[in-house]
């Protein structure tokens, strides 16, 4: 008898109200969004989730990103940002996040389905033994509908 797959856990750091509501409404039996705060994310053990979504809105969050990505066995981090700051355009901030270790930098607004799909695909590429092609296919189908 095969064991059921564990839920794919995505740590959602300081989500805005719209993203938090969207994540709560995704309702996929294999995906769990876990909302948390910046301080809690910095103390979170690396093995507690499969991926982290971190909003990049200041130099301090870039430092947290680098710290999270620098941990041994750190899960991939998806950086999200809705605008540039410090006189820099959004594209620069997202590229800087990737240079600091983010698996990908994505512009906001973004919905929970797109985040889940990105997280599952990133983990599958980084750790092929954790790939979930059926889940990716299901999420892609939902996105297309």
C-alpha atoms as a PDB file:
ATOM      1  CA  UNK A   1       0.000   0.000   0.000  1.00  0.00           C
ATOM      2  CA  UNK A   2       1.414   3.377  -1.006  1.00  0.00           C
ATOM      3  CA  UNK A   3       1.519   6.239   1.417  1.00  0.00           C
ATOM      4  CA  UNK A   4      -0.295   9.425   0.393  1.00  0.00           C
ATOM      5  CA  UNK A   5       1.939  12.342  -0.556  1.00  0.00           C
ATOM      6  CA  UNK A   6       2.495  14.908   2.127  1.00  0.00           C
ATOM      7  CA  UNK A   7       1.010  18.288   1.436  1.00  0.00           C
ATOM      8  CA  UNK A   8       3.250  20.726  -0.383  1.00  0.00           C
ATOM      9  CA  UNK A   9       3.788  23.495   2.186  1.00  0.00           C
ATOM     10  CA  UNK A  10       4.433  27.054   1.057  1.00  0.00           C
ATOM     11  CA  UNK A  11       5.420  29.579   3.708  1.00  0.00           C
ATOM     12  CA  UNK A  12       3.731  32.852   2.758  1.00  0.00           C
ATOM     13  CA  UNK A  13       5.546  35.716   4.487  1.00  0.00           C
ATOM     14  CA  UNK A  14       3.523  38.846   5.291  1.00  0.00           C
ATOM     15  CA  UNK A  15       0.966  38.386   2.521  1.00  0.00           C
ATOM     16  CA  UNK A  16      -1.306  41.287   1.681  1.00  0.00           C
ATOM     17  CA  UNK A  17      -5.008  40.744   2.368  1.00  0.00           C
ATOM     18  CA  UNK A  18      -5.818  39.842  -1.239  1.00  0.00           C
ATOM     19  CA  UNK A  19      -3.065  37.233  -1.540  1.00  0.00           C
ATOM     20  CA  UNK A  20      -3.873  35.778   1.886  1.00  0.00           C
ATOM     21  CA  UNK A  21      -7.541  35.399   0.932  1.00  0.00           C
ATOM     22  CA  UNK A  22      -6.630  33.911  -2.443  1.00  0.00           C
ATOM     23  CA  UNK A  23      -4.250  31.416  -0.794  1.00  0.00           C
ATOM     24  CA  UNK A  24      -6.955  30.409   1.666  1.00  0.00           C
ATOM     25  CA  UNK A  25      -9.421  29.876  -1.160  1.00  0.00           C
ATOM     26  CA  UNK A  26      -7.125  27.812  -3.395  1.00  0.00           C
ATOM     27  CA  UNK A  27      -8.440  24.611  -1.827  1.00  0.00           C
ATOM     28  CA  UNK A  28      -6.166  21.994  -3.320  1.00  0.00           C
ATOM     29  CA  UNK A  29      -5.749  18.863  -1.184  1.00  0.00           C
ATOM     30  CA  UNK A  30      -1.992  18.673  -1.851  1.00  0.00           C
ATOM     31  CA  UNK A  31      -1.111  22.348  -1.272  1.00  0.00           C
ATOM     32  CA  UNK A  32      -0.987  24.227   1.999  1.00  0.00           C
ATOM     33  CA  UNK A  33      -0.162  27.912   2.291  1.00  0.00           C
ATOM     34  CA  UNK A  34       1.154  28.796   5.734  1.00  0.00           C
ATOM     35  CA  UNK A  35       0.933  32.552   6.428  1.00  0.00           C
ATOM     36  CA  UNK A  36       3.595  33.964   8.714  1.00  0.00           C
ATOM     37  CA  UNK A  37       5.287  37.222   9.668  1.00  0.00           C
ATOM     38  CA  UNK A  38       8.786  38.447   8.815  1.00  0.00           C
ATOM     39  CA  UNK A  39      10.155  37.784  12.331  1.00  0.00           C
ATOM     40  CA  UNK A  40       8.663  34.290  12.392  1.00  0.00           C
ATOM     41  CA  UNK A  41      10.051  33.520   8.931  1.00  0.00           C
ATOM     42  CA  UNK A  42      13.564  34.418  10.025  1.00  0.00           C
ATOM     43  CA  UNK A  43      13.281  31.926  12.903  1.00  0.00           C
ATOM     44  CA  UNK A  44      11.491  29.197  10.891  1.00  0.00           C
ATOM     45  CA  UNK A  45      13.414  25.901  10.637  1.00  0.00           C
ATOM     46  CA  UNK A  46      14.390  25.188   7.014  1.00  0.00           C
ATOM     47  CA  UNK A  47      12.671  21.812   6.911  1.00  0.00           C
ATOM     48  CA  UNK A  48       9.238  23.095   7.923  1.00  0.00           C
ATOM     49  CA  UNK A  49       8.179  23.977   4.373  1.00  0.00           C
ATOM     50  CA  UNK A  50       8.833  23.143   0.733  1.00  0.00           C
ATOM     51  CA  UNK A  51       9.106  26.760  -0.489  1.00  0.00           C
ATOM     52  CA  UNK A  52       8.995  30.300   0.857  1.00  0.00           C
ATOM     53  CA  UNK A  53       7.302  33.317  -0.723  1.00  0.00           C
ATOM     54  CA  UNK A  54       8.902  36.531   0.480  1.00  0.00           C
ATOM     55  CA  UNK A  55       7.831  40.078  -0.450  1.00  0.00           C
ATOM     56  CA  UNK A  56      10.835  42.239  -1.240  1.00  0.00           C
ATOM     57  CA  UNK A  57      10.015  45.818  -0.327  1.00  0.00           C
ATOM     58  CA  UNK A  58      13.158  47.114   1.375  1.00  0.00           C
ATOM     59  CA  UNK A  59      16.875  46.456   1.797  1.00  0.00           C
ATOM     60  CA  UNK A  60      16.037  44.664   5.069  1.00  0.00           C
ATOM     61  CA  UNK A  61      13.910  42.098   3.250  1.00  0.00           C
ATOM     62  CA  UNK A  62      16.766  41.554   0.780  1.00  0.00           C
ATOM     63  CA  UNK A  63      19.011  40.789   3.758  1.00  0.00           C
ATOM     64  CA  UNK A  64      16.431  38.347   5.123  1.00  0.00           C
ATOM     65  CA  UNK A  65      16.227  36.736   1.682  1.00  0.00           C
ATOM     66  CA  UNK A  66      19.993  36.239   1.609  1.00  0.00           C
ATOM     67  CA  UNK A  67      19.918  34.792   5.139  1.00  0.00           C
ATOM     68  CA  UNK A  68      17.075  32.392   4.302  1.00  0.00           C
ATOM     69  CA  UNK A  69      18.754  31.238   1.097  1.00  0.00           C
ATOM     70  CA  UNK A  70      22.078  30.809   2.872  1.00  0.00           C
ATOM     71  CA  UNK A  71      20.787  28.228   5.316  1.00  0.00           C
ATOM     72  CA  UNK A  72      21.776  24.617   4.882  1.00  0.00           C
ATOM     73  CA  UNK A  73      18.948  22.659   3.257  1.00  0.00           C
ATOM     74  CA  UNK A  74      17.023  25.895   2.724  1.00  0.00           C
ATOM     75  CA  UNK A  75      13.844  25.566   0.690  1.00  0.00           C
ATOM     76  CA  UNK A  76      13.686  27.653  -2.476  1.00  0.00           C
ATOM     77  CA  UNK A  77      12.576  31.239  -1.979  1.00  0.00           C
ATOM     78  CA  UNK A  78      10.277  33.037  -4.401  1.00  0.00           C
ATOM     79  CA  UNK A  79      10.726  36.801  -4.169  1.00  0.00           C
ATOM     80  CA  UNK A  80       7.704  38.947  -5.031  1.00  0.00           C
ATOM     81  CA  UNK A  81       7.544  42.699  -5.408  1.00  0.00           C
ATOM     82  CA  UNK A  82       4.958  45.138  -6.695  1.00  0.00           C
ATOM     83  CA  UNK A  83       7.108  48.168  -7.307  1.00  0.00           C
ATOM     84  CA  UNK A  84      10.646  49.354  -7.243  1.00  0.00           C
ATOM     85  CA  UNK A  85      12.131  51.335  -4.391  1.00  0.00           C
ATOM     86  CA  UNK A  86      15.141  53.507  -3.638  1.00  0.00           C
ATOM     87  CA  UNK A  87      14.840  54.957  -7.135  1.00  0.00           C
ATOM     88  CA  UNK A  88      15.216  51.550  -8.767  1.00  0.00           C
ATOM     89  CA  UNK A  89      12.687  49.940 -11.130  1.00  0.00           C
ATOM     90  CA  UNK A  90      10.829  46.741 -10.250  1.00  0.00           C
ATOM     91  CA  UNK A  91      12.909  44.658 -12.673  1.00  0.00           C
ATOM     92  CA  UNK A  92      16.095  45.743 -10.896  1.00  0.00           C
ATOM     93  CA  UNK A  93      14.697  44.759  -7.485  1.00  0.00           C
ATOM     94  CA  UNK A  94      13.588  41.316  -8.728  1.00  0.00           C
ATOM     95  CA  UNK A  95      16.959  40.716 -10.388  1.00  0.00           C
ATOM     96  CA  UNK A  96      18.720  41.777  -7.202  1.00  0.00           C
ATOM     97  CA  UNK A  97      16.566  39.290  -5.269  1.00  0.00           C
ATOM     98  CA  UNK A  98      17.633  36.505  -7.635  1.00  0.00           C
ATOM     99  CA  UNK A  99      21.275  37.528  -7.241  1.00  0.00           C
ATOM    100  CA  UNK A 100      20.803  37.290  -3.457  1.00  0.00           C
ATOM    101  CA  UNK A 101      19.587  33.705  -3.822  1.00  0.00           C
ATOM    102  CA  UNK A 102      15.893  33.730  -4.749  1.00  0.00           C
ATOM    103  CA  UNK A 103      14.929  30.872  -7.057  1.00  0.00           C
ATOM    104  CA  UNK A 104      12.837  33.372  -9.001  1.00  0.00           C
ATOM    105  CA  UNK A 105      11.593  36.942  -8.680  1.00  0.00           C
ATOM    106  CA  UNK A 106       7.959  37.515  -9.666  1.00  0.00           C
ATOM    107  CA  UNK A 107       5.994  40.753 -10.040  1.00  0.00           C
ATOM    108  CA  UNK A 108       2.896  41.503  -7.998  1.00  0.00           C
ATOM    109  CA  UNK A 109      -0.010  41.272  -8.158  1.00  0.00           C
ATOM    110  CA  UNK A 110       0.178  37.517  -8.373  1.00  0.00           C
ATOM    111  CA  UNK A 111      -2.396  34.975  -7.345  1.00  0.00           C
ATOM    112  CA  UNK A 112      -1.982  31.912  -5.156  1.00  0.00           C
ATOM    113  CA  UNK A 113      -2.399  29.489  -8.051  1.00  0.00           C
ATOM    114  CA  UNK A 114       0.506  31.062  -9.954  1.00  0.00           C
ATOM    115  CA  UNK A 115       2.639  31.018  -6.791  1.00  0.00           C
ATOM    116  CA  UNK A 116       1.809  27.386  -6.081  1.00  0.00           C
ATOM    117  CA  UNK A 117       2.648  26.384  -9.647  1.00  0.00           C
ATOM    118  CA  UNK A 118       5.951  28.278  -9.545  1.00  0.00           C
ATOM    119  CA  UNK A 119       6.880  26.721  -6.191  1.00  0.00           C
ATOM    120  CA  UNK A 120       6.063  23.150  -7.239  1.00  0.00           C
ATOM    121  CA  UNK A 121       7.983  23.530 -10.515  1.00  0.00           C
ATOM    122  CA  UNK A 122      11.020  25.089  -8.803  1.00  0.00           C
ATOM    123  CA  UNK A 123      11.204  22.330  -6.200  1.00  0.00           C
ATOM    124  CA  UNK A 124      10.819  19.678  -8.906  1.00  0.00           C
ATOM    125  CA  UNK A 125      13.727  21.134 -10.880  1.00  0.00           C
ATOM    126  CA  UNK A 126      15.951  21.510  -7.821  1.00  0.00           C
ATOM    127  CA  UNK A 127      15.077  18.131  -6.316  1.00  0.00           C
ATOM    128  CA  UNK A 128      13.850  15.755  -9.046  1.00  0.00           C
ATOM    129  CA  UNK A 129      13.009  13.116  -6.409  1.00  0.00           C
ATOM    130  CA  UNK A 130      10.442  15.605  -5.042  1.00  0.00           C
ATOM    131  CA  UNK A 131       8.940  16.415  -8.448  1.00  0.00           C
ATOM    132  CA  UNK A 132       5.171  16.217  -8.688  1.00  0.00           C
ATOM    133  CA  UNK A 133       4.353  16.193 -12.414  1.00  0.00           C
ATOM    134  CA  UNK A 134       0.697  15.324 -11.839  1.00  0.00           C
ATOM    135  CA  UNK A 135       0.293  18.256  -9.451  1.00  0.00           C
ATOM    136  CA  UNK A 136       2.001  20.608 -11.927  1.00  0.00           C
ATOM    137  CA  UNK A 137      -0.355  19.380 -14.641  1.00  0.00           C
ATOM    138  CA  UNK A 138      -3.410  19.945 -12.412  1.00  0.00           C
ATOM    139  CA  UNK A 139      -2.304  23.463 -11.495  1.00  0.00           C
ATOM    140  CA  UNK A 140      -1.540  24.324 -15.133  1.00  0.00           C
ATOM    141  CA  UNK A 141      -5.019  23.095 -16.085  1.00  0.00           C
ATOM    142  CA  UNK A 142      -6.605  25.293 -13.393  1.00  0.00           C
ATOM    143  CA  UNK A 143      -4.590  28.250 -14.634  1.00  0.00           C
ATOM    144  CA  UNK A 144      -5.745  27.710 -18.219  1.00  0.00           C
ATOM    145  CA  UNK A 145      -9.426  27.465 -17.286  1.00  0.00           C
END
